Amino acid sequence: MSPFPREPESETLLSASELNARIRELWADGMLPEDRRPEYEALVVEWAAAAREDVRPAA
């Protein structure tokens, strides 16, 4: 479960690119604040799932 509040019916899933941008924001000053680690870990899991969805089988 993601720690990010979302609206149940109107939620749009973030792309791998959007999730990557959010991950980079957490590291903006070169360090991950310890209190943001759970958020970071959840984003990485979501990013991995989104990245898998972006992969298309070779023709």
Protein backbone atom coordinates (compact mmCIF):
# COMPACT_ATOMS: atom_id res chain seq x y z
CA MET A 1 0.00 0.00 0.00
CA SER A 2 1.31 3.40 -0.93
CA PRO A 3 1.64 6.10 1.73
CA PHE A 4 0.29 8.67 -0.74
CA PRO A 5 -3.33 9.73 -0.35
CA ARG A 6 -5.34 9.01 -3.47
CA GLU A 7 -8.92 9.44 -4.51
CA PRO A 8 -10.40 5.94 -4.95
CA GLU A 9 -12.42 6.31 -8.15
CA SER A 10 -10.61 9.12 -9.95
CA GLU A 11 -7.06 7.91 -9.38
CA THR A 12 -4.81 7.89 -12.38
CA LEU A 13 -1.73 5.73 -12.17
CA LEU A 14 1.58 7.49 -12.45
CA SER A 15 3.97 6.50 -15.21
CA ALA A 16 7.46 5.21 -14.50
CA SER A 17 8.76 8.60 -15.62
CA GLU A 18 6.51 10.49 -13.20
CA LEU A 19 7.45 8.18 -10.34
CA ASN A 20 11.13 8.60 -11.20
CA ALA A 21 10.71 12.37 -10.98
CA ARG A 22 9.16 12.05 -7.53
CA ILE A 23 12.01 9.79 -6.40
CA ARG A 24 14.56 12.34 -7.68
CA GLU A 25 12.77 15.10 -5.75
CA LEU A 26 13.34 13.18 -2.52
CA TRP A 27 17.07 13.14 -3.26
CA ALA A 28 17.19 16.78 -4.44
CA ASP A 29 19.73 17.88 -1.83
CA GLY A 30 21.89 14.77 -2.31
CA MET A 31 20.58 12.97 0.77
CA LEU A 32 17.39 11.11 1.56
CA PRO A 33 15.82 12.42 4.76
CA GLU A 34 15.35 9.47 7.11
CA ASP A 35 11.72 10.38 7.78
CA ARG A 36 11.03 10.16 4.00
CA ARG A 37 12.51 6.64 3.62
CA PRO A 38 9.11 4.87 3.73
CA GLU A 39 7.84 7.18 0.99
CA TYR A 40 10.97 6.51 -1.08
CA GLU A 41 10.65 2.74 -0.69
CA ALA A 42 6.99 2.82 -1.73
CA LEU A 43 7.83 4.95 -4.78
CA VAL A 44 10.58 2.53 -5.83
CA VAL A 45 8.16 -0.40 -5.66
CA GLU A 46 5.56 1.53 -7.68
CA TRP A 47 8.24 2.63 -10.16
CA ALA A 48 9.38 -0.98 -10.70
CA ALA A 49 5.80 -2.09 -11.39
CA ALA A 50 5.23 0.82 -13.78
CA ALA A 51 8.54 0.16 -15.55
CA ARG A 52 7.53 -3.49 -16.12
CA GLU A 53 4.26 -2.33 -17.66
CA ASP A 54 6.17 -0.06 -20.05
CA VAL A 55 8.17 -3.01 -21.47
CA ARG A 56 6.74 -4.43 -24.67
CA PRO A 57 7.55 -7.86 -26.07
CA ALA A 58 10.00 -7.94 -28.96
CA ALA A 59 8.46 -8.49 -32.35
